[in-house]
Amino acid sequence: MGGLRGVVAPFVVTGPSGVAVRDRLKGLTPEDEEVLRLVGAYLGSLASRDLKARCVEGLEHSAESWAVRKRGLTGVSSSRWAGSITKATHDQWALARRGQAAHIQGLEAGIRTIAHRLSLPVGAKGTRRVPGGYRSAHEWFHKTRRLRVLEDRLGRVRADRDAGRVRVVRGGRRLARTGHYLADAGLTEAEWRRRWEAGRWFLQADGESGKRFGNETIRVTPEGEVSIKLPAPLAHLANAAHGRYVLAVKVSFAHRGSEWADRVAAHRAVAYRVHHDTGRGRWYLTASWQIPAAQAVPLEAALAHGVIGVDTNADHLAAWRLDTHGNPCGDPHRFFYTLTGSAPHRDAQVRHALTRLLHWAHSCGVKAVAVEDLDFQQAEKTREKHGRRRRFRQLISGMPTGKLRARLTSMADQAGMTIIAVDPAYTSKWGAQHWQKPLTSPTRKTSRHDAASIAIGRRAQGHPIRRRTTPPPHDQSDRAGHRTVQADRRAPGREETRPRIPGPRIRCVPPDAERTRATRASNTVRGARSDQEWVQDSLLLTE
């Protein structure tokens, strides 16, 4: 086992801590849309100003400066709008800091790899774990230049980190860059401008427990009536008392609507966000709230009815059901999805694949699903790590591991399933080595991913991935006993011989011949004349 890294024990994944549901604001009047645009643009400008002030503070931020910023926003909006804006600002700044730390980690890993390969002779062979030298002097020369570029870039990012500076673009950096390549993106300037402005709007409010219907800023009644507390400069647009604007539509959350109604009736906190999809021209309202973390099921109890091992791939989920002893049952299942098109389309594809997986698990009576604890967000995807394997880097970058993990955890909690995370080390390699060929038949082609799903399931159960094979007998009489068992080591009688099958111990006679051979007469006898009458002896031919 020298050179192999240790394998982390499997564990039960904790359930979700929050819920988010969405419904379309269908049937808005032109006046409603105009008010939403004005409120979103005005609060978005305040949010941009507050984010700039927070970035200027850097590491000098304190509770006093936060209170000063909030008081400044309260005078031009309201205290609750100011609280929502400052909270969103801090969340965005913290996210930028985490991204900055991940960027530094990737640059350091790339520099280490290039420096190591430059220290080796040109053409030096590498191993599976340690890369060798570069292939030619031409490549060696260009990598020296890239090393200097990465070192300069790392120095600038480290300086920003030490000074507390972050690079944040409200509306998204990708959308900002798209404005310079409108022809390649297939957008006109007007279309891009609408997306850019909608991306910078701010129409979200945090909930408050004990307040009416759980939110004083964006209020939704149990009957579905939506009203918004207008900021002070826009109070003249109100169509209801106390500076509120009531929309002409009503919402009804189809998913978890009863839970939402219970929280609203009990005046518990519910956060709301209004979003405008400029591509479809639709408005949506998203409601979210926190839920207590469900108590984790013990691993032994979750595996009492077997497990379904799932191997995550770039275009499908490979799944296989295993019984309590780690034996694959039935045929493998594959749940395909495509990760092309828009983000909502990709999200719908992932959600549909997970829905089919959980429905199949429920039909099998299994209460546990084992998945690999993949985290490609932290893994290295640079060309320094994987060399010329550009397609492989694109493959692992395109796998929606984060979205799959979040979706599967939330959906499994509602379905009553337990998610077990296992270490992904060597599951594909050992699964193909020990399970792919034995499970391949003329009518079933077992892929490498199917074999990996078996390895994942067995690791979740605590079984070794290697198949148990027949030990060599002492001699031809098989004195060691028939021990081609896959049963658990605690199963009684697993080391015993095979049970006796009723019937004669002659291989050419079927097992059910014990009942028929005693009354059946032979038609021919060796060495006898054809005209000689034969009488059946009363002695049975069985043991």
Protein backbone atom coordinates (compact mmCIF):
# COMPACT_ATOMS: atom_id res chain seq x y z
CA MET A 1 0.00 0.00 0.00
CA GLY A 2 3.00 2.25 -0.22
CA GLY A 3 2.33 5.45 -2.11
CA LEU A 4 -1.44 5.32 -1.72
CA ARG A 5 -3.10 8.07 0.24
CA GLY A 6 -5.35 7.29 3.15
CA VAL A 7 -9.09 6.96 2.63
CA VAL A 8 -11.41 9.07 4.77
CA ALA A 9 -14.26 7.21 6.45
CA PRO A 10 -17.75 7.76 4.98
CA PHE A 11 -20.12 10.09 6.78
CA VAL A 12 -23.76 11.12 6.65
CA VAL A 13 -24.31 14.50 4.99
CA THR A 14 -26.22 17.02 7.09
CA GLY A 15 -29.54 18.25 5.77
CA PRO A 16 -30.27 21.70 4.36
CA SER A 17 -30.49 24.70 6.66
CA GLY A 18 -32.73 26.86 4.50
CA VAL A 19 -35.58 26.77 2.00
CA ALA A 20 -36.20 28.90 -1.09
CA VAL A 21 -39.35 28.80 -3.24
CA ARG A 22 -40.27 30.93 -6.24
CA ASP A 23 -43.40 32.01 -8.03
CA ARG A 24 -44.01 34.16 -11.07
CA LEU A 25 -45.57 37.61 -10.73
CA LYS A 26 -47.95 37.00 -13.62
CA GLY A 27 -50.21 39.76 -14.82
CA LEU A 28 -48.37 42.86 -13.66
CA THR A 29 -49.73 46.11 -14.99
CA PRO A 30 -47.44 48.63 -16.73
CA GLU A 31 -47.70 50.82 -13.62
CA ASP A 32 -46.54 47.92 -11.43
CA GLU A 33 -43.54 47.25 -13.65
CA GLU A 34 -42.59 50.92 -13.72
CA VAL A 35 -42.71 51.15 -9.91
CA LEU A 36 -40.58 48.00 -9.55
CA ARG A 37 -38.02 49.41 -11.99
CA LEU A 38 -37.83 52.75 -10.18
CA VAL A 39 -37.52 51.16 -6.72
CA GLY A 40 -34.95 48.61 -7.90
CA ALA A 41 -32.81 51.22 -9.67
CA TYR A 42 -32.92 53.63 -6.73
CA LEU A 43 -32.04 50.99 -4.12
CA GLY A 44 -29.41 49.58 -6.49
CA SER A 45 -27.63 52.92 -6.58
CA LEU A 46 -27.64 52.99 -2.77
CA ALA A 47 -26.26 49.44 -2.68
CA SER A 48 -23.48 50.37 -5.11
CA ARG A 49 -22.55 53.37 -2.99
CA ASP A 50 -22.54 51.29 0.18
CA LEU A 51 -20.40 48.56 -1.42
CA LYS A 52 -17.87 51.16 -2.51
CA ALA A 53 -17.70 52.52 1.05
CA ARG A 54 -17.21 49.02 2.44
CA CYS A 55 -14.41 48.26 -0.01
CA VAL A 56 -12.67 51.52 0.89
CA GLU A 57 -12.72 50.52 4.58
CA GLY A 58 -11.00 47.22 3.84
CA LEU A 59 -9.63 45.61 6.96
CA GLU A 60 -10.43 48.69 9.02
CA HIS A 61 -14.10 47.81 9.15
CA SER A 62 -15.78 47.82 12.56
CA ALA A 63 -19.23 47.80 14.11
CA GLU A 64 -19.10 51.57 14.49
CA SER A 65 -18.43 52.14 10.79
CA TRP A 66 -21.22 49.73 9.95
CA ALA A 67 -23.62 51.73 12.12
CA VAL A 68 -22.52 54.96 10.44
CA ARG A 69 -23.20 53.55 6.98
CA LYS A 70 -26.57 52.22 8.06
CA ARG A 71 -27.63 55.56 9.53
CA GLY A 72 -26.64 57.28 6.31
CA LEU A 73 -28.81 54.91 4.26
CA THR A 74 -31.75 55.14 6.65
CA GLY A 75 -32.24 58.82 5.92
CA VAL A 76 -32.65 58.25 2.18
CA SER A 77 -34.64 54.99 2.34
CA SER A 78 -35.75 53.36 5.60
CA SER A 79 -34.13 51.53 8.48
CA ARG A 80 -35.17 48.11 7.16
CA TRP A 81 -34.01 48.82 3.61
CA ALA A 82 -30.71 50.07 5.08
CA GLY A 83 -30.32 46.86 7.07
CA SER A 84 -30.91 44.70 3.99
CA ILE A 85 -28.47 46.72 1.88
CA THR A 86 -25.65 46.66 4.43
CA LYS A 87 -26.10 42.93 5.05
CA ALA A 88 -25.96 42.19 1.31
CA THR A 89 -22.84 44.36 1.06
CA HIS A 90 -21.04 42.40 3.76
CA ASP A 91 -22.00 39.10 2.17
CA GLN A 92 -20.67 40.24 -1.20
CA TRP A 93 -17.42 41.51 0.28
CA ALA A 94 -16.89 38.24 2.17
CA LEU A 95 -17.54 36.24 -1.01
CA ALA A 96 -14.95 38.32 -2.86
CA ARG A 97 -12.40 37.63 -0.10
CA ARG A 98 -12.99 33.88 -0.36
CA GLY A 99 -12.56 34.05 -4.11
CA GLN A 100 -9.35 36.01 -3.63
CA ALA A 101 -7.97 33.35 -1.29
CA ALA A 102 -8.84 30.61 -3.79
CA HIS A 103 -7.11 32.57 -6.56
CA ILE A 104 -3.95 32.87 -4.48
CA GLN A 105 -4.02 29.14 -3.77
CA GLY A 106 -4.29 28.35 -7.49
CA LEU A 107 -1.44 30.69 -8.41
CA GLU A 108 0.83 29.19 -5.74
CA ALA A 109 0.10 25.65 -6.96
CA GLY A 110 0.86 26.62 -10.56
CA ILE A 111 4.14 28.29 -9.60
CA ARG A 112 5.24 25.22 -7.64
CA THR A 113 4.51 22.92 -10.57
CA ILE A 114 6.33 25.07 -13.13
CA ALA A 115 9.35 25.59 -10.85
CA HIS A 116 9.63 21.85 -10.28
CA ARG A 117 9.44 20.98 -13.97
CA LEU A 118 11.94 23.70 -14.89
CA SER A 119 14.43 22.22 -12.40
CA LEU A 120 14.44 18.90 -14.27
CA PRO A 121 16.34 18.19 -17.49
CA VAL A 122 14.44 18.60 -20.73
CA GLY A 123 12.65 15.37 -21.61
CA ALA A 124 12.98 13.85 -18.13
CA LYS A 125 10.33 11.22 -17.46
CA GLY A 126 7.74 11.76 -14.77
CA THR A 127 5.48 9.51 -12.76
CA ARG A 128 1.75 9.41 -12.16
CA ARG A 129 2.16 11.65 -9.14
CA VAL A 130 5.17 13.83 -9.98
CA PRO A 131 5.45 15.43 -13.44
CA GLY A 132 8.69 15.25 -15.37
CA GLY A 133 10.62 17.84 -17.33
CA TYR A 134 9.28 19.72 -20.32
CA ARG A 135 9.36 18.06 -23.72
CA SER A 136 11.52 20.54 -25.58
CA ALA A 137 13.76 23.53 -25.06
CA HIS A 138 11.15 25.69 -26.80
CA GLU A 139 8.49 24.75 -24.25
CA TRP A 140 11.00 25.17 -21.41
CA PHE A 141 11.73 28.73 -22.55
CA HIS A 142 8.07 29.76 -22.73
CA LYS A 143 7.37 28.24 -19.32
CA THR A 144 10.12 30.39 -17.80
CA ARG A 145 8.27 33.44 -19.09
CA ARG A 146 4.96 32.17 -17.78
CA LEU A 147 6.56 31.58 -14.39
CA ARG A 148 7.50 35.24 -14.18
CA VAL A 149 3.99 36.29 -15.20
CA LEU A 150 2.43 34.12 -12.50
CA GLU A 151 4.86 35.40 -9.88
CA ASP A 152 4.02 39.01 -10.74
CA ARG A 153 0.33 38.25 -10.65
CA LEU A 154 0.67 36.49 -7.31
CA GLY A 155 2.52 39.47 -5.87
CA ARG A 156 -0.28 41.84 -6.88
CA VAL A 157 -3.02 39.60 -5.48
CA ARG A 158 -1.14 39.14 -2.21
CA ALA A 159 -0.73 42.88 -1.91
CA ASP A 160 -4.48 43.32 -2.38
CA ARG A 161 -5.15 40.67 0.24
CA ASP A 162 -2.83 42.27 2.79
CA ALA A 163 -4.38 45.67 2.18
CA GLY A 164 -7.94 44.33 2.30
CA ARG A 165 -8.74 45.30 -1.31
CA VAL A 166 -11.19 43.22 -3.33
CA ARG A 167 -12.37 43.43 -6.93
CA VAL A 168 -16.18 43.44 -7.03
CA VAL A 169 -18.53 44.30 -9.89
CA ARG A 170 -22.20 44.73 -9.07
CA GLY A 171 -24.10 43.03 -11.84
CA GLY A 172 -21.37 40.51 -12.54
CA ARG A 173 -17.93 40.74 -14.10
CA ARG A 174 -18.89 38.38 -16.92
CA LEU A 175 -21.84 40.54 -17.95
CA ALA A 176 -19.65 43.64 -17.75
CA ARG A 177 -17.11 42.09 -20.14
CA THR A 178 -19.87 40.93 -22.47
CA GLY A 179 -20.59 44.58 -23.20
CA HIS A 180 -17.32 44.74 -25.15
CA TYR A 181 -18.16 41.68 -27.32
CA LEU A 182 -21.81 42.13 -28.17
CA ALA A 183 -21.50 40.53 -31.62
CA ASP A 184 -19.97 37.35 -30.21
CA ALA A 185 -22.65 37.18 -27.52
CA GLY A 186 -25.46 37.74 -30.04
CA LEU A 187 -26.81 40.78 -28.19
CA THR A 188 -27.65 44.28 -29.20
CA GLU A 189 -26.58 47.23 -27.12
CA ALA A 190 -30.14 47.80 -25.93
CA GLU A 191 -30.53 44.16 -24.86
CA TRP A 192 -27.23 44.19 -23.02
CA ARG A 193 -28.15 47.49 -21.34
CA ARG A 194 -31.43 46.02 -20.06
CA ARG A 195 -29.60 43.01 -18.60
CA TRP A 196 -26.94 45.20 -17.03
CA GLU A 197 -29.41 47.51 -15.38
CA ALA A 198 -31.59 44.63 -14.10
CA GLY A 199 -28.51 42.89 -12.70
CA ARG A 200 -27.66 45.98 -10.62
CA TRP A 201 -31.13 46.49 -9.16
CA PHE A 202 -31.74 45.79 -5.49
CA LEU A 203 -35.15 44.41 -4.54
CA GLN A 204 -34.64 42.08 -1.59
CA ALA A 205 -35.61 42.36 2.07
CA ASP A 206 -34.71 40.29 5.12
CA GLY A 207 -37.49 38.92 7.29
CA GLU A 208 -38.21 39.70 10.93
CA SER A 209 -39.85 37.32 13.36
CA GLY A 210 -42.71 38.84 15.30
CA LYS A 211 -43.54 41.41 12.61
CA ARG A 212 -46.70 41.24 10.57
CA PHE A 213 -46.48 38.31 8.13
CA GLY A 214 -42.74 37.99 8.85
CA ASN A 215 -41.58 40.96 6.77
CA GLU A 216 -42.35 44.67 6.99
CA THR A 217 -40.54 45.74 3.82
CA ILE A 218 -41.82 43.27 1.21
CA ARG A 219 -45.02 41.87 2.67
CA VAL A 220 -46.97 38.90 1.31
CA THR A 221 -50.27 38.07 2.97
CA PRO A 222 -51.60 34.50 3.32
CA GLU A 223 -54.00 35.33 0.47
CA GLY A 224 -51.02 36.12 -1.80
CA GLU A 225 -51.24 39.93 -1.88
CA VAL A 226 -47.80 41.52 -2.41
CA SER A 227 -46.98 45.00 -1.14
CA ILE A 228 -43.70 46.92 -0.99
CA LYS A 229 -42.66 49.65 1.46
CA LEU A 230 -41.44 52.45 -0.80
CA PRO A 231 -38.26 54.40 0.02
CA ALA A 232 -38.79 57.94 1.25
CA PRO A 233 -37.96 59.71 -2.07
CA LEU A 234 -40.47 57.47 -3.91
CA ALA A 235 -43.28 57.64 -1.34
CA HIS A 236 -45.44 59.67 -3.77
CA LEU A 237 -45.92 56.49 -5.86
CA ALA A 238 -47.78 54.70 -3.06
CA ASN A 239 -51.27 53.41 -3.72
CA ALA A 240 -51.95 52.20 -0.15
CA ALA A 241 -51.61 53.55 3.37
CA HIS A 242 -48.30 54.05 5.18
CA GLY A 243 -46.30 54.58 1.98
CA ARG A 244 -46.87 51.10 0.55
CA TYR A 245 -47.46 50.01 -3.02
CA VAL A 246 -49.70 46.96 -3.58
CA LEU A 247 -49.15 44.97 -6.76
CA ALA A 248 -52.10 43.98 -8.89
CA VAL A 249 -51.20 40.26 -8.84
CA LYS A 250 -51.32 37.54 -6.23
CA VAL A 251 -48.79 34.77 -5.69
CA SER A 252 -49.24 31.18 -4.59
CA PHE A 253 -46.20 29.02 -3.98
CA ALA A 254 -46.92 25.58 -5.39
CA HIS A 255 -43.82 24.03 -3.82
CA ARG A 256 -43.89 24.04 -0.01
CA GLY A 257 -46.78 26.43 -0.05
CA SER A 258 -48.21 25.00 3.17
CA GLU A 259 -44.93 25.59 5.01
CA TRP A 260 -44.79 29.15 3.77
CA ALA A 261 -48.40 29.75 4.78
CA ASP A 262 -47.75 28.41 8.28
CA ARG A 263 -44.78 30.75 8.74
CA VAL A 264 -46.65 33.77 7.44
CA ALA A 265 -49.69 33.06 9.62
CA ALA A 266 -47.42 32.71 12.67
CA HIS A 267 -45.55 35.97 11.79
CA ARG A 268 -42.22 34.17 11.47
CA ALA A 269 -39.35 35.63 9.43
CA VAL A 270 -39.51 35.18 5.64
CA ALA A 271 -37.09 36.92 3.27
CA TYR A 272 -38.24 37.97 -0.21
CA ARG A 273 -36.47 38.88 -3.43
CA VAL A 274 -37.99 40.30 -6.63
CA HIS A 275 -36.14 39.31 -9.78
CA HIS A 276 -36.64 40.37 -13.40
CA ASP A 277 -35.76 37.97 -16.23
CA THR A 278 -35.01 40.32 -19.10
CA GLY A 279 -34.70 37.48 -21.63
CA ARG A 280 -38.26 36.29 -21.07
CA GLY A 281 -39.68 39.56 -19.82
CA ARG A 282 -40.96 37.97 -16.62
CA TRP A 283 -40.93 38.98 -12.98
CA TYR A 284 -40.45 36.47 -10.15
CA LEU A 285 -40.79 36.56 -6.37
CA THR A 286 -38.54 34.27 -4.29
CA ALA A 287 -39.34 33.51 -0.65
CA SER A 288 -36.69 31.99 1.63
CA TRP A 289 -36.47 31.08 5.29
CA GLN A 290 -34.29 29.09 7.65
CA ILE A 291 -35.20 25.66 8.95
CA PRO A 292 -33.72 23.74 11.88
CA ALA A 293 -31.14 21.20 10.86
CA ALA A 294 -32.58 17.70 10.86
CA GLN A 295 -30.97 15.20 13.18
CA ALA A 296 -28.54 13.02 11.26
CA VAL A 297 -29.50 9.36 10.89
CA PRO A 298 -26.85 6.91 12.16
CA LEU A 299 -24.85 5.35 9.37
CA GLU A 300 -25.85 1.80 10.35
CA ALA A 301 -29.55 2.66 10.33
CA ALA A 302 -29.29 4.35 6.94
CA LEU A 303 -27.66 1.25 5.42
CA ALA A 304 -30.14 -1.22 6.89
CA HIS A 305 -31.95 -1.66 3.54
CA GLY A 306 -28.93 -1.47 1.25
CA VAL A 307 -27.53 1.49 -0.61
CA ILE A 308 -27.43 2.99 -4.08
CA GLY A 309 -23.96 4.00 -5.24
CA VAL A 310 -23.85 6.99 -7.60
CA ASP A 311 -20.91 7.98 -9.78
CA THR A 312 -21.06 11.61 -10.93
CA ASN A 313 -20.00 12.30 -14.51
CA ALA A 314 -20.06 15.22 -16.89
CA ASP A 315 -23.21 14.09 -18.71
CA HIS A 316 -24.92 11.46 -16.56
CA LEU A 317 -25.24 9.82 -13.15
CA ALA A 318 -24.28 6.14 -13.06
CA ALA A 319 -26.11 4.30 -10.27
CA TRP A 320 -26.26 0.70 -9.06
CA ARG A 321 -28.21 -0.80 -6.19
CA LEU A 322 -26.30 -2.86 -3.60
CA ASP A 323 -27.78 -5.13 -0.95
CA THR A 324 -26.73 -5.12 2.69
CA HIS A 325 -23.77 -7.42 1.91
CA GLY A 326 -22.37 -5.20 -0.87
CA ASN A 327 -23.59 -7.31 -3.80
CA PRO A 328 -24.89 -5.46 -6.88
CA CYS A 329 -28.58 -6.17 -7.51
CA GLY A 330 -30.31 -5.92 -10.86
CA ASP A 331 -28.97 -3.81 -13.68
CA PRO A 332 -27.21 -0.45 -13.54
CA HIS A 333 -29.17 2.73 -14.17
CA ARG A 334 -27.98 5.88 -15.91
CA PHE A 335 -29.65 9.26 -15.55
CA PHE A 336 -28.52 11.60 -18.30
CA TYR A 337 -28.47 15.40 -18.39
CA THR A 338 -27.01 18.05 -20.69
CA LEU A 339 -25.10 21.07 -19.46
CA THR A 340 -25.59 23.26 -22.52
CA GLY A 341 -27.79 26.27 -22.99
CA SER A 342 -28.86 28.82 -20.43
CA ALA A 343 -28.37 28.53 -16.68
CA PRO A 344 -32.06 27.80 -15.98
CA HIS A 345 -31.96 25.01 -18.56
CA ARG A 346 -28.87 23.45 -16.99
CA ASP A 347 -30.41 23.72 -13.55
CA ALA A 348 -33.60 22.04 -14.78
CA GLN A 349 -31.57 19.20 -16.32
CA VAL A 350 -29.75 18.52 -13.06
CA ARG A 351 -32.98 18.70 -11.08
CA HIS A 352 -34.72 16.26 -13.45
CA ALA A 353 -31.87 13.74 -13.24
CA LEU A 354 -31.87 13.86 -9.44
CA THR A 355 -35.65 13.48 -9.35
CA ARG A 356 -35.48 10.29 -11.40
CA LEU A 357 -32.66 8.97 -9.23
CA LEU A 358 -34.61 9.52 -6.00
CA HIS A 359 -37.79 8.03 -7.46
CA TRP A 360 -35.89 4.90 -8.46
CA ALA A 361 -34.31 4.67 -5.00
CA HIS A 362 -37.74 4.96 -3.41
CA SER A 363 -39.14 2.19 -5.65
CA CYS A 364 -36.27 -0.08 -4.60
CA GLY A 365 -36.99 0.46 -0.91
CA VAL A 366 -33.52 1.87 -0.30
CA LYS A 367 -33.09 4.70 2.20
CA ALA A 368 -29.45 5.69 1.50
CA VAL A 369 -27.66 7.13 -1.53
CA ALA A 370 -23.84 7.11 -1.57
CA VAL A 371 -22.02 9.79 -3.58
CA GLU A 372 -18.41 10.86 -3.87
CA ASP A 373 -17.29 13.83 -1.80
CA LEU A 374 -16.08 15.70 -4.88
CA ASP A 375 -15.00 19.31 -4.63
CA PHE A 376 -13.57 20.46 -7.93
CA GLN A 377 -13.93 24.06 -6.79
CA GLN A 378 -10.93 23.49 -4.54
CA ALA A 379 -9.06 21.21 -6.94
CA GLU A 380 -6.52 22.50 -9.42
CA LYS A 381 -7.82 22.87 -12.96
CA THR A 382 -4.92 24.81 -14.45
CA ARG A 383 -2.75 23.69 -17.34
CA GLU A 384 0.23 23.55 -14.97
CA LYS A 385 -1.49 20.72 -13.08
CA HIS A 386 -2.83 18.72 -16.03
CA GLY A 387 -0.40 19.76 -18.73
CA ARG A 388 -1.79 19.53 -22.25
CA ARG A 389 -4.97 17.77 -21.13
CA ARG A 390 -7.20 20.65 -22.06
CA ARG A 391 -10.27 18.49 -22.63
CA PHE A 392 -9.86 16.95 -19.19
CA ARG A 393 -9.64 20.38 -17.58
CA GLN A 394 -12.79 21.44 -19.40
CA LEU A 395 -14.46 18.21 -18.30
CA ILE A 396 -13.87 18.64 -14.59
CA SER A 397 -14.63 22.35 -14.82
CA GLY A 398 -17.99 21.60 -16.39
CA MET A 399 -19.12 19.04 -13.82
CA PRO A 400 -21.77 20.74 -11.63
CA THR A 401 -20.50 19.31 -8.36
CA GLY A 402 -21.61 22.23 -6.21
CA LYS A 403 -25.07 22.41 -7.76
CA LEU A 404 -25.48 18.62 -7.57
CA ARG A 405 -24.46 18.59 -3.92
CA ALA A 406 -26.88 21.35 -2.94
CA ARG A 407 -29.75 20.00 -5.02
CA LEU A 408 -29.30 16.39 -3.91
CA THR A 409 -29.12 17.32 -0.23
CA SER A 410 -32.30 19.38 -0.38
CA MET A 411 -34.31 16.94 -2.51
CA ALA A 412 -33.20 13.89 -0.54
CA ASP A 413 -34.28 15.55 2.69
CA GLN A 414 -37.80 15.95 1.33
CA ALA A 415 -37.84 12.38 -0.01
CA GLY A 416 -36.72 10.89 3.30
CA MET A 417 -33.40 9.72 1.88
CA THR A 418 -30.01 9.83 3.58
CA ILE A 419 -26.98 11.03 1.64
CA ILE A 420 -23.66 9.36 2.47
CA ALA A 421 -20.45 11.00 1.27
CA VAL A 422 -17.43 8.79 0.61
CA ASP A 423 -13.83 9.48 -0.25
CA PRO A 424 -13.41 9.50 -4.08
CA ALA A 425 -9.89 8.02 -3.96
CA TYR A 426 -9.40 5.20 -6.49
CA THR A 427 -13.12 4.44 -6.90
CA SER A 428 -13.01 4.54 -10.70
CA LYS A 429 -9.73 2.64 -10.94
CA TRP A 430 -10.51 -0.10 -8.44
CA GLY A 431 -14.11 -0.40 -9.52
CA ALA A 432 -13.09 -1.06 -13.11
CA GLN A 433 -10.35 -3.44 -11.97
CA HIS A 434 -12.53 -5.66 -9.79
CA TRP A 435 -16.10 -5.27 -11.06
CA GLN A 436 -16.28 -4.21 -14.70
CA LYS A 437 -15.27 -7.51 -16.33
CA PRO A 438 -17.17 -9.93 -14.01
CA LEU A 439 -20.42 -7.99 -14.50
CA THR A 440 -20.13 -7.76 -18.28
CA SER A 441 -22.20 -10.28 -20.22
CA PRO A 442 -23.43 -10.70 -23.81
CA THR A 443 -26.64 -8.91 -22.84
CA ARG A 444 -25.17 -6.26 -20.53
CA LYS A 445 -22.23 -3.99 -21.15
CA THR A 446 -20.86 -2.66 -17.88
CA SER A 447 -19.08 0.66 -18.22
CA ARG A 448 -16.28 1.98 -16.09
CA HIS A 449 -18.71 4.42 -14.47
CA ASP A 450 -21.11 1.61 -13.54
CA ALA A 451 -18.26 -0.26 -11.86
CA ALA A 452 -17.28 2.92 -10.02
CA SER A 453 -20.80 3.22 -8.60
CA ILE A 454 -20.38 -0.25 -7.06
CA ALA A 455 -17.07 0.81 -5.53
CA ILE A 456 -18.72 3.91 -4.07
CA GLY A 457 -21.57 1.93 -2.57
CA ARG A 458 -19.27 -0.70 -1.05
CA ARG A 459 -17.06 1.97 0.46
CA ALA A 460 -20.12 3.58 2.04
CA GLN A 461 -21.03 0.22 3.59
CA GLY A 462 -17.54 -0.30 4.96
CA HIS A 463 -16.74 -3.22 2.61
CA PRO A 464 -13.49 -3.40 0.66
CA ILE A 465 -13.88 -2.66 -3.02
CA ARG A 466 -12.14 -5.89 -4.07
CA ARG A 467 -14.41 -8.82 -4.83
CA ARG A 468 -14.14 -11.91 -2.61
CA THR A 469 -12.91 -14.83 -4.69
CA THR A 470 -12.68 -18.56 -4.04
CA PRO A 471 -9.65 -19.56 -1.94
CA PRO A 472 -7.54 -22.43 -3.34
CA PRO A 473 -8.67 -25.84 -1.98
CA HIS A 474 -6.31 -28.18 -0.18
CA ASP A 475 -6.88 -30.87 -2.80
CA GLN A 476 -9.39 -32.02 -5.39
CA SER A 477 -11.95 -32.95 -2.72
CA ASP A 478 -12.32 -29.24 -1.90
CA ARG A 479 -11.60 -29.78 1.75
CA ALA A 480 -11.52 -26.02 2.32
CA GLY A 481 -15.23 -25.81 1.58
CA HIS A 482 -17.17 -23.72 -0.88
CA ARG A 483 -16.46 -20.14 0.17
CA THR A 484 -17.30 -17.94 -2.81
CA VAL A 485 -19.49 -15.80 -0.58
CA GLN A 486 -20.09 -12.09 -0.66
CA ALA A 487 -21.92 -12.12 2.65
CA ASP A 488 -21.00 -9.92 5.55
CA ARG A 489 -18.37 -11.31 7.86
CA ARG A 490 -20.94 -11.37 10.66
CA ALA A 491 -23.50 -13.39 8.68
CA PRO A 492 -24.03 -16.81 10.32
CA GLY A 493 -23.01 -19.84 8.31
CA ARG A 494 -21.11 -17.98 5.64
CA GLU A 495 -18.14 -20.37 5.94
CA GLU A 496 -20.26 -23.51 5.72
CA THR A 497 -20.59 -25.81 2.71
CA ARG A 498 -23.37 -25.47 0.18
CA PRO A 499 -26.79 -26.81 1.17
CA ARG A 500 -27.66 -30.19 -0.33
CA ILE A 501 -29.98 -30.06 -3.36
CA PRO A 502 -32.66 -32.79 -3.34
CA GLY A 503 -32.08 -35.51 -5.88
CA PRO A 504 -29.36 -37.91 -6.93
CA ARG A 505 -25.75 -36.81 -6.70
CA ILE A 506 -25.20 -37.45 -10.41
CA ARG A 507 -24.50 -34.44 -12.59
CA CYS A 508 -26.27 -35.88 -15.62
CA VAL A 509 -29.57 -36.34 -13.75
CA PRO A 510 -31.71 -33.28 -13.02
CA PRO A 511 -32.42 -32.52 -9.34
CA ASP A 512 -36.09 -33.47 -9.63
CA ALA A 513 -35.34 -36.99 -10.80
CA GLU A 514 -35.62 -38.44 -7.27
CA ARG A 515 -39.39 -38.68 -7.60
CA THR A 516 -39.52 -40.06 -11.14
CA ARG A 517 -36.58 -42.51 -11.38
CA ALA A 518 -38.11 -45.00 -8.89
CA THR A 519 -41.14 -45.72 -11.07
CA ARG A 520 -39.58 -45.38 -14.51
CA ALA A 521 -38.34 -48.47 -16.34
CA SER A 522 -35.42 -48.49 -18.68
CA ASN A 523 -36.11 -49.13 -22.30
CA THR A 524 -32.76 -50.67 -23.20
CA VAL A 525 -30.22 -52.79 -21.37
CA ARG A 526 -26.62 -53.17 -22.33
CA GLY A 527 -25.82 -56.73 -23.44
CA ALA A 528 -29.45 -57.96 -23.52
CA ARG A 529 -31.44 -59.22 -26.53
CA SER A 530 -34.12 -57.00 -27.86
CA ASP A 531 -36.75 -59.65 -27.35
CA GLN A 532 -35.82 -60.27 -23.70
CA GLU A 533 -38.33 -58.91 -21.21
CA TRP A 534 -36.89 -56.68 -18.53
CA VAL A 535 -38.35 -56.30 -15.04
CA GLN A 536 -37.56 -53.24 -12.97
CA ASP A 537 -35.86 -54.01 -9.65
CA SER A 538 -37.49 -52.57 -6.57
CA LEU A 539 -34.19 -51.04 -5.41
CA LEU A 540 -34.22 -47.26 -5.78
CA LEU A 541 -31.46 -45.63 -7.74
CA THR A 542 -31.15 -42.79 -5.30
CA GLU A 543 -28.96 -42.41 -2.28
